[in-house]
C-alpha atoms as a PDB file:
ATOM      1  CA  MET A   1      16.301 -37.594  -5.222  1.00  0.00           C
ATOM      2  CA  SER A   2      13.205 -37.666  -3.395  1.00  0.00           C
ATOM      3  CA  PRO A   3      13.082 -39.388  -0.133  1.00  0.00           C
ATOM      4  CA  ALA A   4      10.592 -41.986  -1.343  1.00  0.00           C
ATOM      5  CA  ARG A   5      13.036 -43.315  -4.039  1.00  0.00           C
ATOM      6  CA  ARG A   6      15.988 -43.260  -1.630  1.00  0.00           C
ATOM      7  CA  SER A   7      14.064 -45.418   0.893  1.00  0.00           C
ATOM      8  CA  GLY A   8      12.954 -48.026  -1.737  1.00  0.00           C
ATOM      9  CA  VAL A   9       9.171 -47.018  -1.950  1.00  0.00           C
ATOM     10  CA  THR A  10       7.836 -47.522  -5.530  1.00  0.00           C
ATOM     11  CA  LEU A  11       4.604 -48.004  -6.983  1.00  0.00           C
ATOM     12  CA  GLN A  12       5.243 -51.628  -7.144  1.00  0.00           C
ATOM     13  CA  THR A  13       5.953 -51.644  -3.523  1.00  0.00           C
ATOM     14  CA  LEU A  14       3.120 -50.161  -2.626  1.00  0.00           C
ATOM     15  CA  HIS A  15       0.977 -52.437  -4.916  1.00  0.00           C
ATOM     16  CA  GLN A  16       2.574 -55.408  -3.296  1.00  0.00           C
ATOM     17  CA  ASP A  17       1.911 -53.932   0.251  1.00  0.00           C
ATOM     18  CA  LEU A  18      -1.701 -53.131  -0.714  1.00  0.00           C
ATOM     19  CA  GLY A  19      -2.072 -56.883  -1.942  1.00  0.00           C
ATOM     20  CA  ALA A  20      -0.770 -58.032   1.415  1.00  0.00           C
ATOM     21  CA  VAL A  21      -2.994 -55.874   3.554  1.00  0.00           C
ATOM     22  CA  LYS A  22      -5.888 -57.294   1.195  1.00  0.00           C
ATOM     23  CA  VAL A  23      -5.312 -60.812   1.657  1.00  0.00           C
ATOM     24  CA  LEU A  24      -4.623 -60.343   5.573  1.00  0.00           C
ATOM     25  CA  LEU A  25      -7.921 -58.515   5.967  1.00  0.00           C
ATOM     26  CA  THR A  26      -9.753 -61.179   3.767  1.00  0.00           C
ATOM     27  CA  THR A  27      -8.175 -64.093   5.904  1.00  0.00           C
ATOM     28  CA  GLY A  28      -8.280 -62.488   9.137  1.00  0.00           C
ATOM     29  CA  LEU A  29     -12.229 -61.853   8.724  1.00  0.00           C
ATOM     30  CA  ARG A  30     -12.931 -65.263   7.739  1.00  0.00           C
ATOM     31  CA  ALA A  31     -12.292 -66.455  11.239  1.00  0.00           C
ATOM     32  CA  PHE A  32     -15.133 -64.516  12.378  1.00  0.00           C
ATOM     33  CA  PRO A  33     -18.644 -66.154  12.639  1.00  0.00           C
ATOM     34  CA  GLN A  34     -20.976 -65.259   9.717  1.00  0.00           C
ATOM     35  CA  ASP A  35     -23.420 -63.229  12.082  1.00  0.00           C
ATOM     36  CA  TRP A  36     -20.242 -61.028  13.490  1.00  0.00           C
ATOM     37  CA  PRO A  37     -21.434 -57.952  12.242  1.00  0.00           C
ATOM     38  CA  GLY A  38     -24.719 -58.340  14.068  1.00  0.00           C
ATOM     39  CA  GLU A  39     -23.175 -59.548  17.164  1.00  0.00           C
ATOM     40  CA  VAL A  40     -20.884 -56.359  17.013  1.00  0.00           C
ATOM     41  CA  LEU A  41     -23.734 -53.859  16.203  1.00  0.00           C
ATOM     42  CA  ARG A  42     -26.023 -55.288  19.152  1.00  0.00           C
ATOM     43  CA  THR A  43     -23.047 -55.130  21.454  1.00  0.00           C
ATOM     44  CA  LEU A  44     -22.448 -51.538  20.347  1.00  0.00           C
ATOM     45  CA  ARG A  45     -26.177 -50.666  20.848  1.00  0.00           C
ATOM     46  CA  GLU A  46     -26.213 -52.313  24.293  1.00  0.00           C
ATOM     47  CA  ASN A  47     -23.440 -50.226  25.359  1.00  0.00           C
ATOM     48  CA  ASN A  48     -25.035 -47.132  24.003  1.00  0.00           C
ATOM     49  CA  ARG A  49     -27.997 -47.991  26.310  1.00  0.00           C
ATOM     50  CA  LEU A  50     -25.881 -48.334  29.240  1.00  0.00           C
ATOM     51  CA  SER A  51     -23.803 -45.110  28.423  1.00  0.00           C
ATOM     52  CA  GLU A  52     -27.261 -43.169  28.118  1.00  0.00           C
ATOM     53  CA  ALA A  53     -28.765 -44.671  31.367  1.00  0.00           C
ATOM     54  CA  ARG A  54     -25.338 -43.873  33.278  1.00  0.00           C
ATOM     55  CA  PHE A  55     -25.555 -40.248  31.756  1.00  0.00           C
ATOM     56  CA  ALA A  56     -28.882 -39.998  32.915  1.00  0.00           C
ATOM     57  CA  GLN A  57     -28.484 -40.935  36.334  1.00  0.00           C
ATOM     58  CA  LEU A  58     -25.056 -38.563  36.268  1.00  0.00           C
ATOM     59  CA  ASP A  59     -27.160 -35.703  34.907  1.00  0.00           C
ATOM     60  CA  VAL A  60     -29.785 -36.208  37.817  1.00  0.00           C
ATOM     61  CA  ALA A  61     -26.970 -36.257  40.490  1.00  0.00           C
ATOM     62  CA  LEU A  62     -25.337 -33.249  39.023  1.00  0.00           C
ATOM     63  CA  ARG A  63     -28.805 -31.390  39.017  1.00  0.00           C
ATOM     64  CA  GLU A  64     -29.610 -32.336  42.824  1.00  0.00           C
ATOM     65  CA  GLN A  65     -25.748 -31.280  43.408  1.00  0.00           C
ATOM     66  CA  ALA A  66     -26.414 -27.821  41.935  1.00  0.00           C
ATOM     67  CA  ILE A  67     -29.470 -27.114  43.670  1.00  0.00           C
ATOM     68  CA  GLU A  68     -27.844 -28.241  46.897  1.00  0.00           C
ATOM     69  CA  THR A  69     -24.823 -25.910  46.264  1.00  0.00           C
ATOM     70  CA  HIS A  70     -27.227 -23.166  45.429  1.00  0.00           C
ATOM     71  CA  THR A  71     -29.469 -23.368  48.594  1.00  0.00           C
ATOM     72  CA  ILE A  72     -26.149 -23.503  50.421  1.00  0.00           C
ATOM     73  CA  LEU A  73     -24.521 -20.409  48.855  1.00  0.00           C
ATOM     74  CA  ARG A  74     -27.850 -18.387  49.469  1.00  0.00           C
ATOM     75  CA  ALA A  75     -27.632 -19.372  53.113  1.00  0.00           C
ATOM     76  CA  ILE A  76     -24.095 -18.281  53.224  1.00  0.00           C
ATOM     77  CA  ALA A  77     -25.063 -14.953  51.634  1.00  0.00           C
ATOM     78  CA  ASP A  78     -27.813 -14.476  53.979  1.00  0.00           C
ATOM     79  CA  GLY A  79     -25.488 -15.138  57.241  1.00  0.00           C
ATOM     80  CA  GLN A  80     -23.315 -12.771  55.851  1.00  0.00           C
ATOM     81  CA  ARG A  81     -25.864 -10.007  55.368  1.00  0.00           C
ATOM     82  CA  GLN A  82     -27.053 -10.810  58.957  1.00  0.00           C
ATOM     83  CA  LEU A  83     -23.852 -10.880  60.357  1.00  0.00           C
ATOM     84  CA  ALA A  84     -22.798  -7.496  58.674  1.00  0.00           C
ATOM     85  CA  ALA A  85     -26.075  -5.862  60.113  1.00  0.00           C
ATOM     86  CA  ASP A  86     -25.127  -7.164  63.496  1.00  0.00           C
ATOM     87  CA  ILE A  87     -21.908  -5.581  63.399  1.00  0.00           C
ATOM     88  CA  ARG A  88     -22.983  -2.407  62.525  1.00  0.00           C
ATOM     89  CA  ALA A  89     -25.647  -2.611  65.092  1.00  0.00           C
ATOM     90  CA  LEU A  90     -23.162  -3.490  67.501  1.00  0.00           C
ATOM     91  CA  ILE A  91     -20.726  -0.577  66.517  1.00  0.00           C
ATOM     92  CA  ASP A  92     -23.828   2.000  66.600  1.00  0.00           C
ATOM     93  CA  ALA A  93     -24.592   0.922  70.098  1.00  0.00           C
ATOM     94  CA  LEU A  94     -20.771   1.196  71.136  1.00  0.00           C
ATOM     95  CA  ARG A  95     -20.797   4.802  69.809  1.00  0.00           C
ATOM     96  CA  ARG A  96     -24.036   5.802  71.517  1.00  0.00           C
ATOM     97  CA  GLY A  97     -22.726   4.207  74.958  1.00  0.00           C
ATOM     98  CA  ARG A  98     -19.656   6.464  74.701  1.00  0.00           C
ATOM     99  CA  GLY A  99     -21.449   9.436  74.105  1.00  0.00           C
ATOM    100  CA  ASN A 100     -19.313  11.401  71.623  1.00  0.00           C
ATOM    101  CA  GLY A 101     -17.606   8.283  70.203  1.00  0.00           C
ATOM    102  CA  ALA A 102     -14.402   9.250  71.934  1.00  0.00           C
ATOM    103  CA  PRO A 103     -12.554   6.144  73.363  1.00  0.00           C
ATOM    104  CA  THR A 104     -13.269   5.529  76.944  1.00  0.00           C
ATOM    105  CA  ASP A 105     -10.287   4.723  79.701  1.00  0.00           C
END
């Protein structure tokens, strides 16, 4: 026996349930004003317009942050290069000061 038959679901009960849903939808929709689809559409369009404006602002802010981040990363990389060059120059100067590179006491 199928699970549907054991639970009492038949074509007739499905038909009755579908009829009840149809009545519920029909009576429930009568409570809305005649022009409610237009009002819902207007509200959705307004929401979309506001969302697009927010996304445009967010896009501008993200682009500005990306430029700032790139600038900062470039400055850090330049600083690291300069630091490495300075350290190499210091090591070279220390080696030259000792003569043969042997440690001095």
